[in-house]
Amino acid sequence: MLALGLLTGGCSGRGDAEAYHRTSPSDIYLYAPPNYVAGSPIQLLMALHGADQDAFDCFDFWRTYADDRGFALLCPELPYSDGQMDREAAQALLGQALQTAYTDVSLRGTFFVVGFGEAGTLALQYAAQFPQAMTGVAAIASQEFPPLSAAAARVPVLILAPSGKRAAADAAQAYVDQMLPQGFAVRLVMLDEDGDRLTRDAGRVTAEFLTEILR
């Protein structure tokens, strides 16, 4: 795993990212920033890709923020078919990916998870099931918002909703309006976009949210 911290050049394509690519026990990209010191625990950001992306696209997008903020980055390949995710299979893959990350990199006891689209719904489900493992969670451009468990009341939650997609924006607002009176630490940010792809604004706001949590 020393190669994670030594290869610091920019990734211009999939070939350049192979140093961080694993195929066993599941298909993932696992990356530690240049300032990573083996044995010194750092924060893990697990990023979950949307239906029109794959694990490399996820890694390629979030790596800049991992470098800038000093996070380790984990991007597992998620099972989509015809634009729909197999969530049960996806949850099993997340467990495998996390086990690899915690075995190979010195990480803090809790991790942050961010998901785009349906993967944002998966991120919220994961936080509801395993709140004790969460630093925080972010859902970007999601349209379905599962309720959080009572145990997740103190987990910081960021909802990034696209103002250009009315159904998604309305669903996000209704979710936050429901969760806030119950004492959940939920924050809603409306982005001036259509929610069809990950944008730099979404990445920046998410990275700032995680940095704020860690202060």
C-alpha atoms as a PDB file:
ATOM      1  CA  MET A   1       0.000   0.000   0.000  1.00  0.00           C
ATOM      2  CA  LEU A   2       2.999   2.317   0.075  1.00  0.00           C
ATOM      3  CA  ALA A   3       2.305   3.131  -3.565  1.00  0.00           C
ATOM      4  CA  LEU A   4      -0.865   4.923  -2.475  1.00  0.00           C
ATOM      5  CA  GLY A   5       1.155   7.709  -0.954  1.00  0.00           C
ATOM      6  CA  LEU A   6       4.039   7.783  -3.385  1.00  0.00           C
ATOM      7  CA  LEU A   7       2.354   8.241  -6.749  1.00  0.00           C
ATOM      8  CA  THR A   8       1.366  11.882  -6.725  1.00  0.00           C
ATOM      9  CA  GLY A   9       1.118  12.785 -10.397  1.00  0.00           C
ATOM     10  CA  GLY A  10      -2.203  13.835 -11.873  1.00  0.00           C
ATOM     11  CA  CYS A  11      -4.471  11.164 -13.274  1.00  0.00           C
ATOM     12  CA  SER A  12      -5.087  11.826 -16.943  1.00  0.00           C
ATOM     13  CA  GLY A  13      -6.786   8.496 -17.627  1.00  0.00           C
ATOM     14  CA  ARG A  14      -7.613   5.030 -16.421  1.00  0.00           C
ATOM     15  CA  GLY A  15      -4.088   3.764 -17.029  1.00  0.00           C
ATOM     16  CA  ASP A  16      -2.633   6.360 -14.673  1.00  0.00           C
ATOM     17  CA  ALA A  17      -5.154   5.353 -12.015  1.00  0.00           C
ATOM     18  CA  GLU A  18      -4.338   1.629 -12.080  1.00  0.00           C
ATOM     19  CA  ALA A  19      -1.968   2.018  -9.109  1.00  0.00           C
ATOM     20  CA  TYR A  20      -5.061   2.659  -6.982  1.00  0.00           C
ATOM     21  CA  HIS A  21      -7.344   0.090  -8.615  1.00  0.00           C
ATOM     22  CA  ARG A  22      -8.280  -3.175  -6.887  1.00  0.00           C
ATOM     23  CA  THR A  23     -10.381  -5.997  -8.272  1.00  0.00           C
ATOM     24  CA  SER A  24     -10.425  -8.297  -5.225  1.00  0.00           C
ATOM     25  CA  PRO A  25     -12.504  -8.870  -3.172  1.00  0.00           C
ATOM     26  CA  SER A  26     -14.437  -6.172  -5.075  1.00  0.00           C
ATOM     27  CA  ASP A  27     -13.745  -3.591  -7.769  1.00  0.00           C
ATOM     28  CA  ILE A  28     -12.604  -0.377  -6.043  1.00  0.00           C
ATOM     29  CA  TYR A  29     -10.263   2.588  -6.249  1.00  0.00           C
ATOM     30  CA  LEU A  30      -8.450   3.274  -2.982  1.00  0.00           C
ATOM     31  CA  TYR A  31      -6.263   6.365  -2.675  1.00  0.00           C
ATOM     32  CA  ALA A  32      -4.308   8.152   0.027  1.00  0.00           C
ATOM     33  CA  PRO A  33      -3.117  11.744  -0.520  1.00  0.00           C
ATOM     34  CA  PRO A  34       0.557  12.700  -0.923  1.00  0.00           C
ATOM     35  CA  ASN A  35       0.827  13.776   2.723  1.00  0.00           C
ATOM     36  CA  TYR A  36      -0.304  10.377   3.995  1.00  0.00           C
ATOM     37  CA  VAL A  37       1.991   8.945   6.666  1.00  0.00           C
ATOM     38  CA  ALA A  38       1.607   5.226   7.298  1.00  0.00           C
ATOM     39  CA  GLY A  39       0.370   4.595  10.826  1.00  0.00           C
ATOM     40  CA  SER A  40      -1.117   8.079  11.237  1.00  0.00           C
ATOM     41  CA  PRO A  41      -4.936   7.831  10.967  1.00  0.00           C
ATOM     42  CA  ILE A  42      -6.587  10.061   8.373  1.00  0.00           C
ATOM     43  CA  GLN A  43     -10.192  10.708   7.418  1.00  0.00           C
ATOM     44  CA  LEU A  44     -11.815   8.435   4.825  1.00  0.00           C
ATOM     45  CA  LEU A  45     -14.172   9.797   2.177  1.00  0.00           C
ATOM     46  CA  MET A  46     -16.192   7.014   0.541  1.00  0.00           C
ATOM     47  CA  ALA A  47     -17.755   8.295  -2.678  1.00  0.00           C
ATOM     48  CA  LEU A  48     -20.557   6.465  -4.477  1.00  0.00           C
ATOM     49  CA  HIS A  49     -21.119   6.993  -8.189  1.00  0.00           C
ATOM     50  CA  GLY A  50     -24.336   7.515 -10.120  1.00  0.00           C
ATOM     51  CA  ALA A  51     -25.933   5.307 -12.757  1.00  0.00           C
ATOM     52  CA  ASP A  52     -24.086   6.880 -15.696  1.00  0.00           C
ATOM     53  CA  GLN A  53     -20.666   6.629 -14.025  1.00  0.00           C
ATOM     54  CA  ASP A  54     -18.329   3.969 -12.722  1.00  0.00           C
ATOM     55  CA  ALA A  55     -15.748   3.714  -9.949  1.00  0.00           C
ATOM     56  CA  PHE A  56     -13.047   5.351 -12.069  1.00  0.00           C
ATOM     57  CA  ASP A  57     -15.257   8.352 -12.881  1.00  0.00           C
ATOM     58  CA  CYS A  58     -15.928   8.688  -9.154  1.00  0.00           C
ATOM     59  CA  PHE A  59     -12.218   8.493  -8.328  1.00  0.00           C
ATOM     60  CA  ASP A  60     -11.299  10.943 -11.091  1.00  0.00           C
ATOM     61  CA  PHE A  61     -13.792  13.504  -9.766  1.00  0.00           C
ATOM     62  CA  TRP A  62     -13.171  13.257  -6.017  1.00  0.00           C
ATOM     63  CA  ARG A  63      -9.384  12.824  -6.041  1.00  0.00           C
ATOM     64  CA  THR A  64      -8.767  16.589  -6.273  1.00  0.00           C
ATOM     65  CA  TYR A  65     -10.769  17.131  -3.093  1.00  0.00           C
ATOM     66  CA  ALA A  66      -8.964  14.291  -1.333  1.00  0.00           C
ATOM     67  CA  ASP A  67      -5.646  15.936  -2.195  1.00  0.00           C
ATOM     68  CA  ASP A  68      -6.768  19.437  -1.222  1.00  0.00           C
ATOM     69  CA  ARG A  69      -8.277  18.373   2.115  1.00  0.00           C
ATOM     70  CA  GLY A  70      -5.955  15.503   3.038  1.00  0.00           C
ATOM     71  CA  PHE A  71      -8.563  12.723   2.927  1.00  0.00           C
ATOM     72  CA  ALA A  72      -8.197   9.102   1.917  1.00  0.00           C
ATOM     73  CA  LEU A  73     -10.595   8.241  -0.911  1.00  0.00           C
ATOM     74  CA  LEU A  74     -12.542   5.036  -1.530  1.00  0.00           C
ATOM     75  CA  CYS A  75     -14.650   4.576  -4.679  1.00  0.00           C
ATOM     76  CA  PRO A  76     -16.353   1.178  -5.035  1.00  0.00           C
ATOM     77  CA  GLU A  77     -17.954  -0.032  -8.267  1.00  0.00           C
ATOM     78  CA  LEU A  78     -21.727  -0.211  -7.737  1.00  0.00           C
ATOM     79  CA  PRO A  79     -24.137  -2.650  -9.413  1.00  0.00           C
ATOM     80  CA  TYR A  80     -26.417  -0.799 -11.835  1.00  0.00           C
ATOM     81  CA  SER A  81     -28.566  -2.381 -14.528  1.00  0.00           C
ATOM     82  CA  ASP A  82     -30.590  -0.252 -16.951  1.00  0.00           C
ATOM     83  CA  GLY A  83     -30.015   2.733 -14.700  1.00  0.00           C
ATOM     84  CA  GLN A  84     -31.280   1.007 -11.548  1.00  0.00           C
ATOM     85  CA  MET A  85     -29.121  -0.050  -8.606  1.00  0.00           C
ATOM     86  CA  ASP A  86     -29.306  -3.401  -6.874  1.00  0.00           C
ATOM     87  CA  ARG A  87     -29.174  -1.895  -3.378  1.00  0.00           C
ATOM     88  CA  GLU A  88     -28.859  -5.171  -1.499  1.00  0.00           C
ATOM     89  CA  ALA A  89     -25.844  -6.158  -3.591  1.00  0.00           C
ATOM     90  CA  ALA A  90     -24.477  -2.622  -3.314  1.00  0.00           C
ATOM     91  CA  GLN A  91     -24.556  -2.727   0.491  1.00  0.00           C
ATOM     92  CA  ALA A  92     -22.588  -5.964   0.488  1.00  0.00           C
ATOM     93  CA  LEU A  93     -20.008  -4.382  -1.823  1.00  0.00           C
ATOM     94  CA  LEU A  94     -19.666  -1.364   0.469  1.00  0.00           C
ATOM     95  CA  GLY A  95     -18.832  -3.659   3.364  1.00  0.00           C
ATOM     96  CA  GLN A  96     -16.143  -5.418   1.335  1.00  0.00           C
ATOM     97  CA  ALA A  97     -14.686  -2.124   0.118  1.00  0.00           C
ATOM     98  CA  LEU A  98     -14.550  -0.659   3.620  1.00  0.00           C
ATOM     99  CA  GLN A  99     -12.871  -3.765   4.980  1.00  0.00           C
ATOM    100  CA  THR A 100     -10.132  -3.406   2.350  1.00  0.00           C
ATOM    101  CA  ALA A 101      -9.687   0.299   3.074  1.00  0.00           C
ATOM    102  CA  TYR A 102      -9.391  -0.158   6.842  1.00  0.00           C
ATOM    103  CA  THR A 103      -6.972  -3.038   6.375  1.00  0.00           C
ATOM    104  CA  ASP A 104      -4.641  -1.236   3.977  1.00  0.00           C
ATOM    105  CA  VAL A 105      -4.683   2.384   5.170  1.00  0.00           C
ATOM    106  CA  SER A 106      -4.519   3.894   8.662  1.00  0.00           C
ATOM    107  CA  LEU A 107      -7.953   5.508   8.976  1.00  0.00           C
ATOM    108  CA  ARG A 108      -9.961   7.277  11.626  1.00  0.00           C
ATOM    109  CA  GLY A 109     -12.645   5.244  13.328  1.00  0.00           C
ATOM    110  CA  THR A 110     -15.499   6.851  11.371  1.00  0.00           C
ATOM    111  CA  PHE A 111     -15.870   7.635   7.676  1.00  0.00           C
ATOM    112  CA  PHE A 112     -17.782  10.138   5.536  1.00  0.00           C
ATOM    113  CA  VAL A 113     -19.951   8.893   2.667  1.00  0.00           C
ATOM    114  CA  VAL A 114     -21.235  10.896  -0.308  1.00  0.00           C
ATOM    115  CA  GLY A 115     -23.476   9.599  -3.072  1.00  0.00           C
ATOM    116  CA  PHE A 116     -24.794  11.008  -6.338  1.00  0.00           C
ATOM    117  CA  GLY A 117     -28.303  10.298  -7.588  1.00  0.00           C
ATOM    118  CA  GLU A 118     -29.587   6.918  -6.423  1.00  0.00           C
ATOM    119  CA  ALA A 119     -26.259   6.394  -4.664  1.00  0.00           C
ATOM    120  CA  GLY A 120     -27.172   9.356  -2.455  1.00  0.00           C
ATOM    121  CA  THR A 121     -30.203   7.366  -1.327  1.00  0.00           C
ATOM    122  CA  LEU A 122     -27.892   4.421  -0.638  1.00  0.00           C
ATOM    123  CA  ALA A 123     -25.601   6.701   1.403  1.00  0.00           C
ATOM    124  CA  LEU A 124     -28.516   7.807   3.577  1.00  0.00           C
ATOM    125  CA  GLN A 125     -29.632   4.199   4.065  1.00  0.00           C
ATOM    126  CA  TYR A 126     -26.125   3.233   5.100  1.00  0.00           C
ATOM    127  CA  ALA A 127     -25.983   6.077   7.610  1.00  0.00           C
ATOM    128  CA  ALA A 128     -29.326   5.004   9.072  1.00  0.00           C
ATOM    129  CA  GLN A 129     -28.053   1.445   9.515  1.00  0.00           C
ATOM    130  CA  PHE A 130     -24.540   2.203  10.750  1.00  0.00           C
ATOM    131  CA  PRO A 131     -24.659   5.664  12.391  1.00  0.00           C
ATOM    132  CA  GLN A 132     -21.877   4.808  14.841  1.00  0.00           C
ATOM    133  CA  ALA A 133     -19.497   4.426  11.882  1.00  0.00           C
ATOM    134  CA  MET A 134     -20.353   7.792  10.305  1.00  0.00           C
ATOM    135  CA  THR A 135     -18.474  11.069  10.356  1.00  0.00           C
ATOM    136  CA  GLY A 136     -21.239  12.439   8.155  1.00  0.00           C
ATOM    137  CA  VAL A 137     -23.175  11.837   4.944  1.00  0.00           C
ATOM    138  CA  ALA A 138     -24.031  13.800   1.808  1.00  0.00           C
ATOM    139  CA  ALA A 139     -26.650  13.061  -0.851  1.00  0.00           C
ATOM    140  CA  ILE A 140     -26.340  14.917  -4.162  1.00  0.00           C
ATOM    141  CA  ALA A 141     -29.203  15.231  -6.677  1.00  0.00           C
ATOM    142  CA  SER A 142     -31.176  12.388  -5.119  1.00  0.00           C
ATOM    143  CA  GLN A 143     -34.923  12.007  -5.523  1.00  0.00           C
ATOM    144  CA  GLU A 144     -35.629   9.430  -2.817  1.00  0.00           C
ATOM    145  CA  PHE A 145     -34.870  10.122   0.841  1.00  0.00           C
ATOM    146  CA  PRO A 146     -35.203   7.245   3.323  1.00  0.00           C
ATOM    147  CA  PRO A 147     -35.798   8.243   6.950  1.00  0.00           C
ATOM    148  CA  LEU A 148     -32.850   8.213   9.297  1.00  0.00           C
ATOM    149  CA  SER A 149     -32.886   6.016  12.368  1.00  0.00           C
ATOM    150  CA  ALA A 150     -33.124   7.564  15.833  1.00  0.00           C
ATOM    151  CA  ALA A 151     -29.524   6.488  16.446  1.00  0.00           C
ATOM    152  CA  ALA A 152     -28.452   8.678  13.516  1.00  0.00           C
ATOM    153  CA  ALA A 153     -29.822  11.881  15.041  1.00  0.00           C
ATOM    154  CA  ARG A 154     -26.334  13.300  15.613  1.00  0.00           C
ATOM    155  CA  VAL A 155     -24.913  12.333  12.219  1.00  0.00           C
ATOM    156  CA  PRO A 156     -24.341  15.515  10.152  1.00  0.00           C
ATOM    157  CA  VAL A 157     -26.294  15.228   6.893  1.00  0.00           C
ATOM    158  CA  LEU A 158     -25.901  17.392   3.793  1.00  0.00           C
ATOM    159  CA  ILE A 159     -28.549  17.378   1.076  1.00  0.00           C
ATOM    160  CA  LEU A 160     -27.513  19.039  -2.193  1.00  0.00           C
ATOM    161  CA  ALA A 161     -30.557  19.530  -4.408  1.00  0.00           C
ATOM    162  CA  PRO A 162     -30.625  20.800  -8.011  1.00  0.00           C
ATOM    163  CA  SER A 163     -32.919  23.793  -8.362  1.00  0.00           C
ATOM    164  CA  GLY A 164     -33.310  22.983 -12.064  1.00  0.00           C
ATOM    165  CA  LYS A 165     -35.042  19.659 -11.360  1.00  0.00           C
ATOM    166  CA  ARG A 166     -38.275  20.528  -9.595  1.00  0.00           C
ATOM    167  CA  ALA A 167     -39.208  17.020  -8.425  1.00  0.00           C
ATOM    168  CA  ALA A 168     -35.807  16.435  -6.821  1.00  0.00           C
ATOM    169  CA  ALA A 169     -35.739  19.891  -5.227  1.00  0.00           C
ATOM    170  CA  ASP A 170     -39.240  19.498  -3.805  1.00  0.00           C
ATOM    171  CA  ALA A 171     -38.466  16.017  -2.447  1.00  0.00           C
ATOM    172  CA  ALA A 172     -35.303  17.316  -0.783  1.00  0.00           C
ATOM    173  CA  GLN A 173     -37.124  20.257   0.806  1.00  0.00           C
ATOM    174  CA  ALA A 174     -39.914  18.009   2.100  1.00  0.00           C
ATOM    175  CA  TYR A 175     -37.358  15.612   3.595  1.00  0.00           C
ATOM    176  CA  VAL A 176     -35.467  18.353   5.396  1.00  0.00           C
ATOM    177  CA  ASP A 177     -38.711  19.921   6.634  1.00  0.00           C
ATOM    178  CA  GLN A 178     -39.638  16.537   8.091  1.00  0.00           C
ATOM    179  CA  MET A 179     -36.270  15.716   9.673  1.00  0.00           C
ATOM    180  CA  LEU A 180     -35.317  19.055  11.243  1.00  0.00           C
ATOM    181  CA  PRO A 181     -38.201  19.193  13.780  1.00  0.00           C
ATOM    182  CA  GLN A 182     -37.187  15.703  14.911  1.00  0.00           C
ATOM    183  CA  GLY A 183     -33.763  16.987  15.896  1.00  0.00           C
ATOM    184  CA  PHE A 184     -31.709  15.585  13.015  1.00  0.00           C
ATOM    185  CA  ALA A 185     -28.614  17.525  11.949  1.00  0.00           C
ATOM    186  CA  VAL A 186     -29.701  18.000   8.335  1.00  0.00           C
ATOM    187  CA  ARG A 187     -28.587  20.846   6.073  1.00  0.00           C
ATOM    188  CA  LEU A 188     -30.114  21.629   2.673  1.00  0.00           C
ATOM    189  CA  VAL A 189     -28.221  23.505  -0.049  1.00  0.00           C
ATOM    190  CA  MET A 190     -29.910  24.285  -3.360  1.00  0.00           C
ATOM    191  CA  LEU A 191     -27.530  24.298  -6.311  1.00  0.00           C
ATOM    192  CA  ASP A 192     -28.266  26.279  -9.465  1.00  0.00           C
ATOM    193  CA  GLU A 193     -28.015  23.278 -11.795  1.00  0.00           C
ATOM    194  CA  ASP A 194     -30.087  20.485 -13.299  1.00  0.00           C
ATOM    195  CA  GLY A 195     -28.599  17.581 -11.326  1.00  0.00           C
ATOM    196  CA  ASP A 196     -27.713  15.476 -14.369  1.00  0.00           C
ATOM    197  CA  ARG A 197     -24.022  15.290 -13.500  1.00  0.00           C
ATOM    198  CA  LEU A 198     -21.591  15.956 -10.674  1.00  0.00           C
ATOM    199  CA  THR A 199     -20.366  19.547 -10.707  1.00  0.00           C
ATOM    200  CA  ARG A 200     -17.479  21.360  -9.092  1.00  0.00           C
ATOM    201  CA  ASP A 201     -19.931  23.314  -6.959  1.00  0.00           C
ATOM    202  CA  ALA A 202     -21.295  20.060  -5.548  1.00  0.00           C
ATOM    203  CA  GLY A 203     -17.784  18.771  -4.877  1.00  0.00           C
ATOM    204  CA  ARG A 204     -16.664  21.998  -3.242  1.00  0.00           C
ATOM    205  CA  VAL A 205     -19.695  22.288  -0.942  1.00  0.00           C
ATOM    206  CA  THR A 206     -19.363  18.642   0.083  1.00  0.00           C
ATOM    207  CA  ALA A 207     -15.640  18.971   0.857  1.00  0.00           C
ATOM    208  CA  GLU A 208     -16.275  22.166   2.843  1.00  0.00           C
ATOM    209  CA  PHE A 209     -19.026  20.405   4.816  1.00  0.00           C
ATOM    210  CA  LEU A 210     -16.715  17.538   5.766  1.00  0.00           C
ATOM    211  CA  THR A 211     -13.914  19.929   6.691  1.00  0.00           C
ATOM    212  CA  GLU A 212     -16.340  21.883   8.903  1.00  0.00           C
ATOM    213  CA  ILE A 213     -17.416  18.691  10.683  1.00  0.00           C
ATOM    214  CA  LEU A 214     -13.806  17.816  11.471  1.00  0.00           C
ATOM    215  CA  ARG A 215     -12.925  21.154  13.063  1.00  0.00           C
END
